[in-house]
N, C-alpha and C. Protein backbone atom coordinates (compact mmCIF):
# COMPACT_ATOMS: atom_id res chain seq x y z
N MET A 1 7.15 26.46 -7.85
CA MET A 1 5.77 26.60 -7.27
C MET A 1 4.96 25.31 -7.88
N GLU A 2 5.27 24.82 -8.56
CA GLU A 2 4.72 23.50 -9.14
C GLU A 2 5.31 22.29 -8.28
N ASN A 3 6.61 22.67 -7.97
CA ASN A 3 6.91 21.69 -6.99
C ASN A 3 6.54 21.12 -5.82
N ILE A 4 6.41 22.52 -5.33
CA ILE A 4 5.50 22.76 -3.58
C ILE A 4 4.14 21.96 -3.77
N ILE A 5 3.39 22.54 -5.13
CA ILE A 5 1.99 21.49 -5.19
C ILE A 5 2.34 20.16 -5.23
N TRP A 6 3.14 19.34 -5.86
CA TRP A 6 3.53 18.41 -6.13
C TRP A 6 3.51 17.48 -4.97
N LEU A 7 4.27 18.16 -4.35
CA LEU A 7 4.78 17.74 -2.59
C LEU A 7 3.74 17.47 -1.62
N ILE A 8 3.01 18.76 -1.92
CA ILE A 8 1.72 19.05 -0.97
C ILE A 8 0.62 17.61 -1.07
N ILE A 9 0.92 17.53 -2.50
CA ILE A 9 -0.38 16.67 -2.79
C ILE A 9 0.13 15.06 -2.39
N MET A 10 1.74 14.63 -2.90
CA MET A 10 2.53 13.37 -2.64
C MET A 10 2.74 13.10 -1.38
N ILE A 11 3.22 13.64 -0.75
CA ILE A 11 3.66 13.53 0.55
C ILE A 11 2.44 13.07 1.39
N PRO A 12 1.33 13.85 1.82
CA PRO A 12 0.30 13.01 2.73
C PRO A 12 -0.17 11.59 1.74
N VAL A 13 -0.20 11.72 0.61
CA VAL A 13 -0.81 10.56 0.03
C VAL A 13 0.01 8.99 0.29
N SER A 14 1.56 9.41 -0.06
CA SER A 14 2.31 8.49 0.32
C SER A 14 2.42 8.42 1.47
N MET A 15 2.14 9.17 2.39
CA MET A 15 2.54 9.03 4.07
C MET A 15 1.18 7.86 4.53
N LEU A 16 -0.06 8.16 3.92
CA LEU A 16 -1.29 7.52 4.35
C LEU A 16 -1.18 6.03 3.98
N PHE A 17 -0.28 5.74 3.09
CA PHE A 17 -0.13 3.97 2.70
C PHE A 17 0.79 3.89 3.31
N THR A 18 1.89 4.49 3.88
CA THR A 18 3.11 4.00 4.79
C THR A 18 2.19 3.93 6.26
N VAL A 19 1.69 4.81 6.64
CA VAL A 19 0.91 4.35 7.51
C VAL A 19 0.14 3.41 7.58
N LEU A 20 -0.82 3.00 6.39
CA LEU A 20 -1.27 1.61 6.64
C LEU A 20 -0.79 0.50 6.68
N GLY A 21 0.19 0.60 5.98
CA GLY A 21 1.26 -0.80 6.02
C GLY A 21 1.54 -1.09 7.61
N ILE A 22 2.29 -0.21 8.02
CA ILE A 22 2.57 -0.03 9.58
C ILE A 22 1.31 -0.58 10.41
N TYR A 23 0.42 0.16 9.84
CA TYR A 23 -0.79 -0.10 11.04
C TYR A 23 -1.43 -1.66 10.66
N ALA A 24 -1.32 -1.96 9.43
CA ALA A 24 -1.65 -3.49 9.32
C ALA A 24 -0.58 -4.55 10.13
N TRP A 25 0.52 -3.91 9.79
CA TRP A 25 1.68 -5.30 10.11
C TRP A 25 1.80 -5.22 11.93
N ARG A 26 1.29 -4.44 12.29
CA ARG A 26 1.43 -4.30 13.57
C ARG A 26 -0.18 -4.80 14.57
N ARG A 27 -1.26 -4.70 13.42
CA ARG A 27 -2.49 -5.21 13.85
C ARG A 27 -2.57 -6.45 14.90
N LYS A 28 -3.34 -6.51 15.70
CA LYS A 28 -3.34 -8.07 16.32
C LYS A 28 -4.55 -8.45 15.82
N GLU A 29 -5.38 -8.11 15.28
CA GLU A 29 -6.60 -8.95 14.58
C GLU A 29 -6.32 -9.08 12.99
N PRO A 30 -6.86 -9.54 12.55
CA PRO A 30 -6.67 -9.86 11.24
C PRO A 30 -7.04 -8.39 10.19
N MET A 31 -6.15 -8.21 9.41
CA MET A 31 -6.49 -7.09 8.62
C MET A 31 -6.85 -7.11 7.36
N TRP A 32 -7.74 -6.33 7.22
CA TRP A 32 -8.61 -6.29 6.06
C TRP A 32 -8.62 -5.65 4.89
N PHE A 33 -8.98 -5.89 3.85
CA PHE A 33 -8.27 -4.94 2.22
C PHE A 33 -9.46 -4.25 1.96
N TRP A 34 -11.02 -4.45 1.47
CA TRP A 34 -11.39 -3.51 1.30
C TRP A 34 -12.60 -2.68 2.42
N SER A 35 -12.55 -1.88 2.25
CA SER A 35 -13.22 -1.06 3.34
C SER A 35 -14.96 -1.51 3.53
N GLY A 36 -14.81 -1.76 4.53
CA GLY A 36 -16.25 -2.28 5.12
C GLY A 36 -16.41 -3.96 5.15
N SER A 37 -15.24 -4.35 4.71
CA SER A 37 -15.23 -5.91 4.86
C SER A 37 -14.16 -6.16 6.42
N THR A 38 -14.85 -7.27 6.40
CA THR A 38 -13.94 -7.86 7.93
C THR A 38 -13.31 -9.17 7.26
N VAL A 39 -12.29 -9.58 8.08
CA VAL A 39 -11.16 -11.02 8.37
C VAL A 39 -11.89 -11.11 9.87
N LYS A 40 -12.37 -12.64 10.01
CA LYS A 40 -12.70 -13.04 11.28
C LYS A 40 -11.28 -13.85 12.06
N GLU A 41 -10.89 -13.67 13.28
CA GLU A 41 -9.66 -14.21 13.46
C GLU A 41 -9.98 -16.00 13.33
N SER A 42 -11.04 -16.52 13.05
CA SER A 42 -11.15 -18.02 13.05
C SER A 42 -10.62 -18.42 11.49
N GLU A 43 -10.61 -17.60 10.55
CA GLU A 43 -10.43 -17.62 9.48
C GLU A 43 -9.00 -17.84 8.85
N ILE A 44 -7.99 -17.07 9.85
CA ILE A 44 -6.65 -17.26 9.38
C ILE A 44 -6.00 -17.95 10.64
N ARG A 45 -5.07 -18.34 10.15
CA ARG A 45 -4.52 -19.62 10.87
C ARG A 45 -3.02 -18.97 11.61
N ASP A 46 -2.52 -17.80 10.94
CA ASP A 46 -1.44 -17.24 11.55
C ASP A 46 -1.55 -15.68 11.32
N VAL A 47 -2.27 -15.36 12.36
CA VAL A 47 -2.35 -13.85 12.13
C VAL A 47 -1.31 -12.91 11.88
N PRO A 48 0.04 -13.00 12.81
CA PRO A 48 0.93 -12.13 12.62
C PRO A 48 1.39 -12.20 11.34
N ALA A 49 2.09 -13.69 10.69
CA ALA A 49 2.41 -13.14 9.66
C ALA A 49 1.37 -13.06 8.38
N TYR A 50 0.29 -13.27 8.67
CA TYR A 50 -0.94 -12.65 7.61
C TYR A 50 -0.81 -11.50 7.65
N ASN A 51 -0.81 -10.45 8.83
CA ASN A 51 -0.86 -9.45 8.90
C ASN A 51 0.46 -8.52 8.34
N ARG A 52 1.64 -9.62 8.70
CA ARG A 52 2.80 -8.94 8.24
C ARG A 52 3.00 -8.66 6.54
N ALA A 53 2.46 -9.73 5.93
CA ALA A 53 2.14 -9.81 4.45
C ALA A 53 1.69 -8.78 4.19
N ASN A 54 0.31 -8.82 5.20
CA ASN A 54 -0.60 -7.48 4.47
C ASN A 54 0.33 -5.58 4.75
N GLY A 55 1.03 -5.75 5.69
CA GLY A 55 1.95 -4.52 5.70
C GLY A 55 2.87 -4.10 4.66
N ILE A 56 3.45 -5.53 4.22
CA ILE A 56 4.62 -5.55 3.61
C ILE A 56 3.99 -4.94 2.16
N MET A 57 2.78 -5.65 1.51
CA MET A 57 1.85 -5.48 -0.04
C MET A 57 1.70 -3.60 0.49
N TRP A 58 1.00 -2.81 1.50
CA TRP A 58 1.04 -1.76 1.31
C TRP A 58 2.50 -0.91 1.65
N LEU A 59 3.20 -1.19 2.38
CA LEU A 59 4.49 -0.48 2.16
C LEU A 59 5.21 -0.55 0.83
N VAL A 60 5.33 -1.71 -0.05
CA VAL A 60 5.82 -1.85 -0.92
C VAL A 60 5.05 -0.59 -1.82
N PHE A 61 3.89 -0.60 -2.30
CA PHE A 61 3.07 0.69 -2.79
C PHE A 61 3.23 2.01 -2.24
N SER A 62 3.23 1.52 -1.24
CA SER A 62 3.90 3.34 -0.41
C SER A 62 5.24 3.44 -0.90
N ALA A 63 6.09 2.73 -1.10
CA ALA A 63 7.80 3.20 -1.61
C ALA A 63 7.33 3.53 -3.28
N LEU A 64 6.50 3.14 -3.74
CA LEU A 64 6.34 3.58 -5.23
C LEU A 64 5.69 5.17 -5.36
N LEU A 65 4.84 5.08 -4.27
CA LEU A 65 4.50 6.66 -4.10
C LEU A 65 5.53 7.41 -3.35
N TRP A 66 6.22 7.23 -2.81
CA TRP A 66 7.52 7.66 -2.33
C TRP A 66 8.47 8.09 -3.33
N VAL A 67 8.60 7.43 -4.15
CA VAL A 67 9.67 7.39 -5.13
C VAL A 67 9.57 8.48 -5.90
N SER A 68 8.40 8.21 -6.34
CA SER A 68 7.61 9.07 -7.71
C SER A 68 7.46 10.55 -6.91
N ALA A 69 7.29 10.50 -5.78
CA ALA A 69 7.26 12.01 -4.88
C ALA A 69 8.31 12.63 -5.22
N LEU A 70 9.67 11.84 -4.50
CA LEU A 70 10.93 12.30 -5.07
C LEU A 70 11.29 12.50 -6.28
N LEU A 71 10.99 12.12 -7.31
CA LEU A 71 11.77 12.14 -8.64
C LEU A 71 10.56 13.03 -9.11
N GLY A 72 9.13 13.59 -8.53
CA GLY A 72 8.67 14.33 -9.45
C GLY A 72 9.22 15.90 -8.75
N PHE A 73 9.67 15.63 -7.77
CA PHE A 73 9.95 16.67 -7.34
C PHE A 73 11.28 17.67 -8.19
N LEU A 74 12.16 16.57 -8.44
CA LEU A 74 13.47 16.74 -9.37
C LEU A 74 13.28 16.92 -10.86
N ASN A 75 11.83 16.34 -11.19
CA ASN A 75 11.84 16.36 -12.59
C ASN A 75 10.20 15.70 -12.88
N ARG A 76 9.39 16.71 -12.33
CA ARG A 76 7.80 16.74 -12.70
C ARG A 76 7.12 15.52 -13.68
N LYS A 77 7.88 15.48 -14.77
CA LYS A 77 7.13 14.72 -16.12
C LYS A 77 7.58 13.21 -15.55
N SER A 78 8.74 12.96 -15.09
CA SER A 78 9.16 11.76 -14.96
C SER A 78 8.56 11.18 -13.59
N GLY A 79 8.48 11.99 -12.73
CA GLY A 79 7.58 11.53 -11.37
C GLY A 79 6.29 11.16 -11.84
N GLY A 80 5.67 11.70 -12.93
CA GLY A 80 4.28 11.71 -13.16
C GLY A 80 4.10 10.50 -13.82
N ILE A 81 4.99 10.08 -15.04
CA ILE A 81 5.40 9.05 -15.26
C ILE A 81 5.12 7.84 -14.89
N LEU A 82 6.12 7.99 -13.89
CA LEU A 82 6.23 6.94 -13.04
C LEU A 82 5.18 6.51 -12.45
N LEU A 83 4.44 7.79 -11.34
CA LEU A 83 3.21 7.59 -10.52
C LEU A 83 2.07 6.98 -11.81
N ILE A 84 2.09 7.22 -12.53
CA ILE A 84 0.90 6.71 -13.53
C ILE A 84 1.04 5.34 -13.86
N ALA A 85 2.41 5.15 -14.78
CA ALA A 85 2.52 3.91 -14.98
C ALA A 85 2.78 2.78 -13.60
N GLY A 86 2.99 3.04 -12.62
CA GLY A 86 3.37 2.57 -11.53
C GLY A 86 1.70 2.44 -11.00
N CYS A 87 0.61 2.85 -10.93
CA CYS A 87 -0.60 3.13 -10.41
C CYS A 87 -1.53 2.08 -11.58
N ILE A 88 -0.93 2.25 -12.59
CA ILE A 88 -1.79 1.55 -13.52
C ILE A 88 -1.26 0.09 -13.45
N ILE A 89 -0.28 -0.54 -13.06
CA ILE A 89 0.12 -1.53 -12.80
C ILE A 89 -0.22 -2.11 -11.45
N ALA A 90 0.17 -1.04 -10.31
CA ALA A 90 0.11 -1.93 -9.05
C ALA A 90 -1.61 -1.96 -8.39
N VAL A 91 -2.19 -0.54 -8.66
CA VAL A 91 -3.65 -0.76 -8.33
C VAL A 91 -4.37 -2.16 -8.71
N PRO A 92 -4.73 -2.64 -9.96
CA PRO A 92 -5.02 -3.83 -10.45
C PRO A 92 -4.26 -5.19 -9.54
N LEU A 93 -2.85 -4.66 -9.27
CA LEU A 93 -2.27 -6.02 -8.72
C LEU A 93 -2.76 -5.97 -7.35
N LEU A 94 -2.94 -5.19 -6.60
CA LEU A 94 -3.04 -5.31 -4.87
C LEU A 94 -4.35 -6.24 -4.80
N PRO A 95 -5.50 -6.10 -5.52
CA PRO A 95 -6.64 -7.10 -4.86
C PRO A 95 -5.63 -8.24 -5.17
N ILE A 96 -5.37 -9.03 -6.22
CA ILE A 96 -4.73 -10.22 -6.58
C ILE A 96 -3.65 -10.20 -5.48
N ILE A 97 -2.82 -9.77 -5.31
CA ILE A 97 -1.80 -9.78 -4.15
C ILE A 97 -2.40 -10.47 -2.60
N TYR A 98 -3.47 -9.43 -2.41
CA TYR A 98 -4.23 -9.54 -1.34
C TYR A 98 -5.18 -11.05 -1.32
N GLU A 99 -5.32 -11.46 -2.43
CA GLU A 99 -6.11 -12.76 -2.47
C GLU A 99 -5.23 -13.69 -2.28
N ARG A 100 -4.02 -13.93 -2.53
CA ARG A 100 -3.14 -14.89 -2.54
C ARG A 100 -2.61 -14.64 -0.99
N ILE A 101 -2.31 -13.54 -0.58
CA ILE A 101 -2.18 -13.69 0.97
C ILE A 101 -3.06 -13.93 2.05
N TYR A 102 -4.40 -13.83 1.41
CA TYR A 102 -5.42 -14.72 2.33
C TYR A 102 -5.84 -15.84 2.07
N ARG A 103 -5.49 -16.41 0.79
CA ARG A 103 -5.58 -17.78 1.01
C ARG A 103 -4.33 -18.71 1.39
N LYS A 104 -2.95 -17.76 1.32
CA LYS A 104 -2.01 -18.34 2.05
C LYS A 104 -2.29 -18.91 3.45
N TYR A 105 -3.02 -17.81 4.02
CA TYR A 105 -3.39 -17.89 5.39
C TYR A 105 -4.41 -18.42 5.99
N LYS A 106 -5.19 -18.48 5.23
CA LYS A 106 -6.96 -18.95 5.49
C LYS A 106 -6.46 -20.57 5.93
N LYS A 107 -7.21 -20.81 7.04
CA LYS A 107 -7.63 -22.18 7.82
C LYS A 107 -7.84 -23.15 6.80
């Protein structure tokens, strides 16, 4: 039963970040990072490349969640450790990575 609860939580969360990555990659206007913030097209010199980099960032993060979901289904302790360790490392890195992407494609 615990494995089912784990999957009920992890699959939608993992899917959310996968969809976010795909959305960012395919978006025509520049993708933002923080909720409520915007990036104007006039700020970015290569919008498709900028959005692709954003999409890759979110897809890599979602891959961590998918691996954790699968591992947690097989062994909850290992999946939980990967999830916690990965988030402790990845969550603070996401704004740093985004800032590097923004600076790289800023006009």
